[in-house]
C-alpha atoms as a PDB file:
ATOM      1  CA  MET A   1       4.430   5.583 -16.193  1.00  0.00           C
ATOM      2  CA  GLN A   2       3.800   7.666 -13.406  1.00  0.00           C
ATOM      3  CA  HIS A   3       5.099   6.827  -9.446  1.00  0.00           C
ATOM      4  CA  LEU A   4       5.032   8.357  -6.562  1.00  0.00           C
ATOM      5  CA  ALA A   5       4.498   9.108  -1.778  1.00  0.00           C
ATOM      6  CA  ASP A   6       2.872  11.762   1.380  1.00  0.00           C
ATOM      7  CA  ALA A   7       3.677  12.884   5.274  1.00  0.00           C
ATOM      8  CA  GLY A   8       0.661  14.992   5.634  1.00  0.00           C
ATOM      9  CA  GLU A   9       2.963  17.427   5.158  1.00  0.00           C
ATOM     10  CA  THR A  10       2.967  20.590   3.315  1.00  0.00           C
ATOM     11  CA  MET A  11       5.206  19.784   0.581  1.00  0.00           C
ATOM     12  CA  ALA A  12       8.224  22.435   0.356  1.00  0.00           C
ATOM     13  CA  VAL A  13       9.517  20.697  -2.742  1.00  0.00           C
ATOM     14  CA  PRO A  14       7.868  20.426  -6.019  1.00  0.00           C
ATOM     15  CA  ALA A  15       6.371  16.664  -7.156  1.00  0.00           C
ATOM     16  CA  PRO A  16       8.625  14.793  -8.988  1.00  0.00           C
ATOM     17  CA  PRO A  17       8.609  14.097 -12.836  1.00  0.00           C
ATOM     18  CA  VAL A  18       6.874  11.255 -14.106  1.00  0.00           C
ATOM     19  CA  GLY A  19       8.536   7.889 -14.132  1.00  0.00           C
ATOM     20  CA  VAL A  20      10.814   8.920 -10.614  1.00  0.00           C
ATOM     21  CA  TRP A  21      11.943   6.039  -8.488  1.00  0.00           C
ATOM     22  CA  GLY A  22      14.678   4.890  -5.765  1.00  0.00           C
ATOM     23  CA  ARG A  23      15.491   1.701  -4.227  1.00  0.00           C
ATOM     24  CA  VAL A  24      15.196   1.508  -0.507  1.00  0.00           C
ATOM     25  CA  ILE A  25      17.329  -1.926   0.805  1.00  0.00           C
ATOM     26  CA  GLY A  26      17.459  -3.141  -2.684  1.00  0.00           C
ATOM     27  CA  LEU A  27      13.398  -2.884  -3.634  1.00  0.00           C
ATOM     28  CA  PRO A  28      12.078  -0.115  -5.865  1.00  0.00           C
ATOM     29  CA  VAL A  29      10.279   2.578  -4.232  1.00  0.00           C
ATOM     30  CA  ALA A  30       7.870   5.219  -5.758  1.00  0.00           C
ATOM     31  CA  VAL A  31       8.866   9.073  -5.268  1.00  0.00           C
ATOM     32  CA  GLY A  32       5.945  11.386  -4.541  1.00  0.00           C
ATOM     33  CA  ASP A  33       3.422  12.238  -2.904  1.00  0.00           C
ATOM     34  CA  MET A  34      -0.022  11.799  -1.562  1.00  0.00           C
ATOM     35  CA  ALA A  35      -1.797  13.817  -4.435  1.00  0.00           C
ATOM     36  CA  SER A  36       0.521  12.265  -7.256  1.00  0.00           C
ATOM     37  CA  VAL A  37      -0.014   8.829  -6.045  1.00  0.00           C
ATOM     38  CA  SER A  38      -3.983   8.793  -5.709  1.00  0.00           C
ATOM     39  CA  GLY A  39      -4.266  10.738  -9.026  1.00  0.00           C
ATOM     40  CA  GLU A  40      -1.824   7.848 -10.898  1.00  0.00           C
ATOM     41  CA  ILE A  41      -3.603   5.473  -9.186  1.00  0.00           C
ATOM     42  CA  ILE A  42      -7.346   7.234 -10.344  1.00  0.00           C
ATOM     43  CA  ARG A  43      -5.588   7.445 -14.298  1.00  0.00           C
ATOM     44  CA  ARG A  44      -4.918   4.075 -14.071  1.00  0.00           C
ATOM     45  CA  ALA A  45      -8.477   3.493 -13.497  1.00  0.00           C
ATOM     46  CA  GLN A  46     -10.059   5.507 -16.103  1.00  0.00           C
ATOM     47  CA  GLN A  47      -8.105   3.616 -18.829  1.00  0.00           C
ATOM     48  CA  ARG A  48      -9.007   0.462 -16.878  1.00  0.00           C
ATOM     49  CA  GLN A  49      -5.186  -0.722 -16.565  1.00  0.00           C
ATOM     50  CA  LYS A  50      -4.361  -4.163 -14.952  1.00  0.00           C
ATOM     51  CA  GLY A  51      -2.345  -3.987 -12.431  1.00  0.00           C
ATOM     52  CA  TYR A  52      -1.395  -3.692  -8.252  1.00  0.00           C
ATOM     53  CA  VAL A  53      -0.054  -1.044  -5.881  1.00  0.00           C
ATOM     54  CA  CYS A  54       2.124  -2.155  -2.992  1.00  0.00           C
ATOM     55  CA  VAL A  55       1.946  -0.025  -0.066  1.00  0.00           C
ATOM     56  CA  ALA A  56       5.120  -0.851   1.259  1.00  0.00           C
ATOM     57  CA  ASN A  57       6.572  -0.498   4.945  1.00  0.00           C
ATOM     58  CA  ALA A  58       9.931  -2.023   6.328  1.00  0.00           C
ATOM     59  CA  HIS A  59       8.221  -5.499   7.258  1.00  0.00           C
ATOM     60  CA  MET A  60       7.457  -5.424   3.324  1.00  0.00           C
ATOM     61  CA  LEU A  61      10.534  -4.633   2.045  1.00  0.00           C
ATOM     62  CA  VAL A  62      12.295  -6.654   4.898  1.00  0.00           C
ATOM     63  CA  THR A  63      10.373  -9.860   3.553  1.00  0.00           C
ATOM     64  CA  ALA A  64      10.662  -9.368   0.099  1.00  0.00           C
ATOM     65  CA  ARG A  65      14.819  -9.288   0.936  1.00  0.00           C
ATOM     66  CA  ARG A  66      14.545 -12.761   2.696  1.00  0.00           C
ATOM     67  CA  GLU A  67      11.863 -14.467   0.353  1.00  0.00           C
ATOM     68  CA  PRO A  68      12.696 -14.774  -3.261  1.00  0.00           C
ATOM     69  CA  ALA A  69       9.355 -15.663  -4.164  1.00  0.00           C
ATOM     70  CA  PHE A  70       7.927 -12.630  -2.409  1.00  0.00           C
ATOM     71  CA  ARG A  71      10.623  -9.830  -3.813  1.00  0.00           C
ATOM     72  CA  GLU A  72       9.698 -10.909  -7.682  1.00  0.00           C
ATOM     73  CA  VAL A  73       5.717  -9.591  -6.326  1.00  0.00           C
ATOM     74  CA  VAL A  74       7.185  -6.616  -5.551  1.00  0.00           C
ATOM     75  CA  GLU A  75       9.324  -5.746  -8.458  1.00  0.00           C
ATOM     76  CA  ARG A  76       6.889  -6.722 -11.017  1.00  0.00           C
ATOM     77  CA  ALA A  77       4.096  -4.184  -9.165  1.00  0.00           C
ATOM     78  CA  PRO A  78       3.548  -1.114 -11.270  1.00  0.00           C
ATOM     79  CA  LEU A  79       3.470   0.957  -8.301  1.00  0.00           C
ATOM     80  CA  VAL A  80       5.239   0.484  -5.180  1.00  0.00           C
ATOM     81  CA  VAL A  81       4.546   3.557  -2.432  1.00  0.00           C
ATOM     82  CA  SER A  82       6.290   4.639   1.281  1.00  0.00           C
ATOM     83  CA  ASP A  83       3.697   3.598   3.469  1.00  0.00           C
ATOM     84  CA  GLY A  84       7.070   3.603   6.445  1.00  0.00           C
ATOM     85  CA  ALA A  85       8.259   6.840   6.939  1.00  0.00           C
ATOM     86  CA  PRO A  86      11.508   5.138   6.965  1.00  0.00           C
ATOM     87  CA  LEU A  87      11.234   4.222   3.441  1.00  0.00           C
ATOM     88  CA  VAL A  88      10.901   8.278   2.878  1.00  0.00           C
ATOM     89  CA  TRP A  89      13.557   9.025   4.656  1.00  0.00           C
ATOM     90  CA  GLN A  90      16.108   6.741   2.765  1.00  0.00           C
ATOM     91  CA  LEU A  91      14.415   8.101  -0.105  1.00  0.00           C
ATOM     92  CA  GLN A  92      15.551  11.688   1.072  1.00  0.00           C
ATOM     93  CA  ARG A  93      19.054  10.636   1.722  1.00  0.00           C
ATOM     94  CA  GLN A  94      19.657   9.492  -1.728  1.00  0.00           C
ATOM     95  CA  GLY A  95      18.278  12.875  -2.709  1.00  0.00           C
ATOM     96  CA  PHE A  96      14.790  12.404  -3.577  1.00  0.00           C
ATOM     97  CA  LEU A  97      14.030  15.298  -1.430  1.00  0.00           C
ATOM     98  CA  GLN A  98      10.022  15.271  -2.798  1.00  0.00           C
ATOM     99  CA  ALA A  99       9.446  12.052  -1.136  1.00  0.00           C
ATOM    100  CA  ARG A 100       6.792  11.833   1.364  1.00  0.00           C
ATOM    101  CA  GLN A 101       4.682   8.862   3.284  1.00  0.00           C
ATOM    102  CA  VAL A 102       1.686   7.586   1.620  1.00  0.00           C
ATOM    103  CA  ARG A 103      -0.147   5.834   4.355  1.00  0.00           C
ATOM    104  CA  GLY A 104      -2.467   3.238   3.283  1.00  0.00           C
ATOM    105  CA  PRO A 105      -5.345   4.001   5.601  1.00  0.00           C
ATOM    106  CA  ASP A 106      -4.733   7.734   4.526  1.00  0.00           C
ATOM    107  CA  LEU A 107      -4.220   6.423   0.874  1.00  0.00           C
ATOM    108  CA  MET A 108      -7.641   4.246   0.822  1.00  0.00           C
ATOM    109  CA  LEU A 109     -10.044   6.898   1.675  1.00  0.00           C
ATOM    110  CA  SER A 110      -8.326   9.102  -0.652  1.00  0.00           C
ATOM    111  CA  LEU A 111      -8.904   7.180  -3.520  1.00  0.00           C
ATOM    112  CA  CYS A 112     -12.361   6.253  -2.214  1.00  0.00           C
ATOM    113  CA  GLU A 113     -12.752  10.143  -2.050  1.00  0.00           C
ATOM    114  CA  ARG A 114     -11.771  10.913  -5.477  1.00  0.00           C
ATOM    115  CA  ALA A 115     -13.820   8.052  -6.629  1.00  0.00           C
ATOM    116  CA  ALA A 116     -16.861   9.136  -5.825  1.00  0.00           C
ATOM    117  CA  LYS A 117     -16.072  12.378  -7.878  1.00  0.00           C
ATOM    118  CA  ALA A 118     -15.312  10.573 -10.552  1.00  0.00           C
ATOM    119  CA  GLY A 119     -18.343   8.271 -10.180  1.00  0.00           C
ATOM    120  CA  PHE A 120     -15.867   5.027 -10.428  1.00  0.00           C
ATOM    121  CA  PRO A 121     -17.470   2.051  -8.501  1.00  0.00           C
ATOM    122  CA  VAL A 122     -15.102   0.342  -5.670  1.00  0.00           C
ATOM    123  CA  TYR A 123     -14.779  -3.106  -4.851  1.00  0.00           C
ATOM    124  CA  PHE A 124     -13.444  -4.656  -0.867  1.00  0.00           C
ATOM    125  CA  TYR A 125     -11.718  -7.571  -0.373  1.00  0.00           C
ATOM    126  CA  GLY A 126     -11.058  -8.979   2.776  1.00  0.00           C
ATOM    127  CA  GLY A 127     -11.737  -9.021   6.488  1.00  0.00           C
ATOM    128  CA  ASP A 128     -14.511 -11.051   8.179  1.00  0.00           C
ATOM    129  CA  GLN A 129     -18.195 -10.004   7.775  1.00  0.00           C
ATOM    130  CA  ALA A 130     -17.988  -8.292  10.576  1.00  0.00           C
ATOM    131  CA  LEU A 131     -15.771  -5.834   9.406  1.00  0.00           C
ATOM    132  CA  ILE A 132     -17.213  -5.406   6.229  1.00  0.00           C
ATOM    133  CA  ALA A 133     -20.488  -4.240   7.879  1.00  0.00           C
ATOM    134  CA  ASP A 134     -18.786  -1.429  10.201  1.00  0.00           C
ATOM    135  CA  LEU A 135     -16.707  -0.454   6.644  1.00  0.00           C
ATOM    136  CA  LEU A 136     -19.682  -0.118   5.041  1.00  0.00           C
ATOM    137  CA  GLU A 137     -21.155   1.686   7.415  1.00  0.00           C
ATOM    138  CA  ALA A 138     -18.552   4.127   8.047  1.00  0.00           C
ATOM    139  CA  LEU A 139     -17.180   5.180   4.300  1.00  0.00           C
ATOM    140  CA  PRO A 140     -20.217   6.978   3.293  1.00  0.00           C
ATOM    141  CA  ARG A 141     -19.598   9.264   6.031  1.00  0.00           C
ATOM    142  CA  ARG A 142     -16.589  10.228   4.212  1.00  0.00           C
ATOM    143  CA  ALA A 143     -17.177   9.852   0.858  1.00  0.00           C
ATOM    144  CA  PRO A 144     -21.041   9.979   0.714  1.00  0.00           C
ATOM    145  CA  ARG A 145     -21.541   9.314  -3.309  1.00  0.00           C
ATOM    146  CA  LEU A 146     -19.201   6.673  -3.429  1.00  0.00           C
ATOM    147  CA  ALA A 147     -20.643   3.715  -5.696  1.00  0.00           C
ATOM    148  CA  ILE A 148     -19.437   0.558  -3.810  1.00  0.00           C
ATOM    149  CA  THR A 149     -20.500  -2.192  -5.814  1.00  0.00           C
ATOM    150  CA  GLY A 150     -19.233  -5.123  -3.773  1.00  0.00           C
ATOM    151  CA  ALA A 151     -17.922  -5.822  -0.535  1.00  0.00           C
ATOM    152  CA  GLU A 152     -17.278  -9.809   0.810  1.00  0.00           C
ATOM    153  CA  ALA A 153     -15.264 -11.279   3.703  1.00  0.00           C
ATOM    154  CA  ALA A 154     -12.092 -13.019   2.653  1.00  0.00           C
ATOM    155  CA  PRO A 155     -12.109 -17.127   3.428  1.00  0.00           C
ATOM    156  CA  MET A 156      -8.988 -18.869   5.235  1.00  0.00           C
ATOM    157  CA  LEU A 157      -6.624 -18.564   2.392  1.00  0.00           C
ATOM    158  CA  PRO A 158      -3.025 -19.695   2.329  1.00  0.00           C
ATOM    159  CA  PRO A 159      -0.138 -17.978   2.302  1.00  0.00           C
ATOM    160  CA  ARG A 160       0.109 -17.760  -1.185  1.00  0.00           C
ATOM    161  CA  PRO A 161      -3.493 -17.537  -2.931  1.00  0.00           C
ATOM    162  CA  GLU A 162      -4.215 -18.764  -6.360  1.00  0.00           C
ATOM    163  CA  VAL A 163      -6.718 -17.508  -8.505  1.00  0.00           C
ATOM    164  CA  ASP A 164     -10.130 -17.846  -7.300  1.00  0.00           C
ATOM    165  CA  GLY A 165     -12.302 -17.967 -10.483  1.00  0.00           C
ATOM    166  CA  ALA A 166     -15.667 -17.152  -8.774  1.00  0.00           C
ATOM    167  CA  VAL A 167     -14.007 -14.087  -7.364  1.00  0.00           C
ATOM    168  CA  VAL A 168     -12.606 -12.776 -10.348  1.00  0.00           C
ATOM    169  CA  GLU A 169     -16.358 -13.227 -11.831  1.00  0.00           C
ATOM    170  CA  ARG A 170     -17.885 -11.403  -8.776  1.00  0.00           C
ATOM    171  CA  ILE A 171     -15.785  -8.420  -9.033  1.00  0.00           C
ATOM    172  CA  ARG A 172     -16.048  -8.471 -12.813  1.00  0.00           C
ATOM    173  CA  ARG A 173     -19.830  -8.342 -12.786  1.00  0.00           C
ATOM    174  CA  SER A 174     -19.733  -5.324 -10.149  1.00  0.00           C
ATOM    175  CA  GLY A 175     -18.060  -3.309 -12.907  1.00  0.00           C
ATOM    176  CA  ALA A 176     -15.518  -2.173 -10.191  1.00  0.00           C
ATOM    177  CA  ARG A 177     -12.117   0.012 -11.307  1.00  0.00           C
ATOM    178  CA  LEU A 178     -10.650   0.282  -7.980  1.00  0.00           C
ATOM    179  CA  VAL A 179     -10.380  -3.234  -5.637  1.00  0.00           C
ATOM    180  CA  PHE A 180      -9.243  -2.701  -2.029  1.00  0.00           C
ATOM    181  CA  VAL A 181      -7.410  -5.357  -0.827  1.00  0.00           C
ATOM    182  CA  GLY A 182      -7.442  -6.349   2.825  1.00  0.00           C
ATOM    183  CA  LEU A 183      -5.486  -9.727   3.778  1.00  0.00           C
ATOM    184  CA  GLY A 184      -2.674  -8.627   5.486  1.00  0.00           C
ATOM    185  CA  CYS A 185       0.975  -8.596   3.815  1.00  0.00           C
ATOM    186  CA  PRO A 186       2.488 -10.645   2.473  1.00  0.00           C
ATOM    187  CA  LYS A 187      -0.558 -12.744   1.293  1.00  0.00           C
ATOM    188  CA  GLN A 188      -2.703  -9.706   0.237  1.00  0.00           C
ATOM    189  CA  GLU A 189       0.258  -8.751  -2.663  1.00  0.00           C
ATOM    190  CA  PHE A 190       0.036 -12.856  -3.543  1.00  0.00           C
ATOM    191  CA  TRP A 191      -3.338 -12.694  -4.176  1.00  0.00           C
ATOM    192  CA  MET A 192      -3.358  -9.431  -5.952  1.00  0.00           C
ATOM    193  CA  GLN A 193      -0.863 -10.813  -8.402  1.00  0.00           C
ATOM    194  CA  ALA A 194      -2.758 -14.104  -9.170  1.00  0.00           C
ATOM    195  CA  HIS A 195      -5.892 -12.260  -9.855  1.00  0.00           C
ATOM    196  CA  ALA A 196      -4.479  -8.585 -11.053  1.00  0.00           C
ATOM    197  CA  PRO A 197      -4.333 -10.411 -15.190  1.00  0.00           C
ATOM    198  CA  HIS A 198      -7.685 -11.627 -15.134  1.00  0.00           C
ATOM    199  CA  LEU A 199      -9.536  -8.134 -13.749  1.00  0.00           C
ATOM    200  CA  ASP A 200     -10.070  -4.824 -15.408  1.00  0.00           C
ATOM    201  CA  ALA A 201      -9.397  -3.004 -12.205  1.00  0.00           C
ATOM    202  CA  VAL A 202      -6.555  -1.486 -10.438  1.00  0.00           C
ATOM    203  CA  LEU A 203      -5.929  -3.923  -7.397  1.00  0.00           C
ATOM    204  CA  ILE A 204      -4.668  -1.912  -3.719  1.00  0.00           C
ATOM    205  CA  GLY A 205      -3.424  -3.796  -1.074  1.00  0.00           C
ATOM    206  CA  VAL A 206      -4.308  -1.684   2.289  1.00  0.00           C
ATOM    207  CA  GLY A 207      -3.713  -4.351   5.088  1.00  0.00           C
ATOM    208  CA  GLN A 208      -5.360  -2.502   8.296  1.00  0.00           C
ATOM    209  CA  ALA A 209      -7.215   0.466   6.468  1.00  0.00           C
ATOM    210  CA  PHE A 210     -10.346  -1.629   6.336  1.00  0.00           C
ATOM    211  CA  ALA A 211     -10.108  -1.634  10.305  1.00  0.00           C
ATOM    212  CA  VAL A 212      -8.831   2.270  10.802  1.00  0.00           C
ATOM    213  CA  ALA A 213     -11.325   3.499   8.108  1.00  0.00           C
ATOM    214  CA  ALA A 214     -14.264   1.321  10.450  1.00  0.00           C
ATOM    215  CA  GLY A 215     -13.027   3.074  13.602  1.00  0.00           C
ATOM    216  CA  ARG A 216     -11.909  -0.507  14.838  1.00  0.00           C
ATOM    217  CA  LEU A 217      -8.403   0.276  14.854  1.00  0.00           C
ATOM    218  CA  PRO A 218      -7.089   3.415  16.612  1.00  0.00           C
ATOM    219  CA  GLU A 219      -4.239   5.565  14.995  1.00  0.00           C
ATOM    220  CA  ALA A 220      -0.622   7.013  16.126  1.00  0.00           C
ATOM    221  CA  PRO A 221      -1.111  10.718  17.361  1.00  0.00           C
ATOM    222  CA  LEU A 222       0.135  12.739  14.029  1.00  0.00           C
ATOM    223  CA  TRP A 223       3.340  13.412  16.480  1.00  0.00           C
ATOM    224  CA  MET A 224       4.114   9.872  16.202  1.00  0.00           C
ATOM    225  CA  ARG A 225       3.520   9.501  12.716  1.00  0.00           C
ATOM    226  CA  ARG A 226       5.772  12.414  11.559  1.00  0.00           C
ATOM    227  CA  ARG A 227       8.345  10.423  13.405  1.00  0.00           C
ATOM    228  CA  GLY A 228       8.066   7.172  12.309  1.00  0.00           C
ATOM    229  CA  LEU A 229       6.687   5.699  15.577  1.00  0.00           C
ATOM    230  CA  GLU A 230       3.646   4.453  14.363  1.00  0.00           C
ATOM    231  CA  TRP A 231       5.376   1.136  14.742  1.00  0.00           C
ATOM    232  CA  LEU A 232       5.633   1.568  18.440  1.00  0.00           C
ATOM    233  CA  PHE A 233       2.044   2.504  18.758  1.00  0.00           C
ATOM    234  CA  ARG A 234       1.100  -0.503  17.384  1.00  0.00           C
ATOM    235  CA  LEU A 235       3.439  -2.221  19.537  1.00  0.00           C
ATOM    236  CA  ALA A 236       1.910  -1.146  22.371  1.00  0.00           C
ATOM    237  CA  SER A 237      -1.519  -1.752  21.174  1.00  0.00           C
ATOM    238  CA  GLU A 238      -1.103  -5.461  20.081  1.00  0.00           C
ATOM    239  CA  PRO A 239       2.093  -6.626  21.557  1.00  0.00           C
ATOM    240  CA  LYS A 240       1.506 -10.020  22.359  1.00  0.00           C
ATOM    241  CA  ARG A 241       0.887 -10.305  18.139  1.00  0.00           C
ATOM    242  CA  LEU A 242       3.261  -7.644  16.710  1.00  0.00           C
ATOM    243  CA  TRP A 243       6.546  -8.062  19.493  1.00  0.00           C
ATOM    244  CA  ARG A 244       7.900 -10.717  17.385  1.00  0.00           C
ATOM    245  CA  ARG A 245       7.717  -9.155  13.904  1.00  0.00           C
ATOM    246  CA  TYR A 246       9.161  -5.475  14.960  1.00  0.00           C
ATOM    247  CA  LEU A 247      11.900  -7.029  17.181  1.00  0.00           C
ATOM    248  CA  VAL A 248      13.100  -8.804  13.514  1.00  0.00           C
ATOM    249  CA  THR A 249      11.713  -6.366  10.886  1.00  0.00           C
ATOM    250  CA  ASN A 250      13.101  -3.496  12.706  1.00  0.00           C
ATOM    251  CA  SER A 251      16.754  -4.763  13.461  1.00  0.00           C
ATOM    252  CA  LEU A 252      16.878  -6.239   9.989  1.00  0.00           C
ATOM    253  CA  PHE A 253      15.803  -3.255   8.425  1.00  0.00           C
ATOM    254  CA  ILE A 254      18.280  -1.275  10.257  1.00  0.00           C
ATOM    255  CA  ALA A 255      20.782  -3.723   9.414  1.00  0.00           C
ATOM    256  CA  TYR A 256      20.480  -4.099   5.528  1.00  0.00           C
ATOM    257  CA  VAL A 257      20.532   0.173   5.678  1.00  0.00           C
ATOM    258  CA  LEU A 258      23.443  -0.111   7.149  1.00  0.00           C
ATOM    259  CA  GLY A 259      25.386  -2.564   5.170  1.00  0.00           C
ATOM    260  CA  GLU A 260      23.947  -0.006   2.578  1.00  0.00           C
ATOM    261  CA  MET A 261      26.085   2.787   4.011  1.00  0.00           C
ATOM    262  CA  ILE A 262      28.787   1.085   3.974  1.00  0.00           C
ATOM    263  CA  GLY A 263      28.565  -0.465   0.462  1.00  0.00           C
ATOM    264  CA  PHE A 264      27.729  -3.844   1.440  1.00  0.00           C
ATOM    265  CA  GLY A 265      24.024  -4.618  -0.572  1.00  0.00           C
ATOM    266  CA  SER A 266      23.865  -1.859  -1.970  1.00  0.00           C
ATOM    267  CA  GLU A 267      22.136  -1.294  -5.254  1.00  0.00           C
ATOM    268  CA  ALA A 268      21.968   1.978  -7.134  1.00  0.00           C
ATOM    269  CA  PRO A 269      19.013   4.306  -6.911  1.00  0.00           C
ATOM    270  CA  SER A 270      17.211   4.230 -10.431  1.00  0.00           C
ATOM    271  CA  ALA A 271      15.652   7.385 -11.943  1.00  0.00           C
ATOM    272  CA  SER A 272      12.923   5.481 -13.849  1.00  0.00           C
ATOM    273  CA  ARG A 273      10.978   2.182 -14.239  1.00  0.00           C
ATOM    274  CA  SER A 274       9.267   1.046 -17.435  1.00  0.00           C
END
């Protein structure tokens, strides 16, 4: 099982061997770069493997630490990658110097480009009708041969969605090998865990990537991303909606990291996971 992350920079360290994982605040996170992560997902899609990918940041891991049911979702994911720069720093601190950031919007576009070359059909689930329309207009400019065999807005869903047989049937009929899910964390991860066993496709939870790809949501400058300040850019863009999340999440993440550094609540990193 190959598990892997990227910061958009030239790698100075070779990609890790298959199966390398670390733990960040007690949660499993794969080590790698954009090429190895997208390559592994495409390999799984080629083999029609079932499963889902958690694109993790500090908010996701803190939520998993605080909510046992969500922790189980993350722990059981076949692949958990480093969307957030602080996760990469923690992996590198553990000795995984090859760890790189794998941002959700970049991963989605990389996978769309690879799927277009491989002839894989893809499916999009989430957002509203207007966002889906903008996304379908924007994506062909990045991946002209991309076969989009389905795209639908999501209805109002509970925090922990159960299996929707009608959605399963539509995705099955579409023949999609990759399903991008944009419901926001942790709802999209609960949705993926519930639906993955019923689909011969890889499900990837990409959160705000729909809005970024559609041109609706501006991205932080590269210098901010490289310094782990993307959260600050997003906070400045949507202060009323995000201030509480970042105040709580960032504070707890720092507290958990400090706890690990002084030996409280720490777990030894693992070199493999099966």
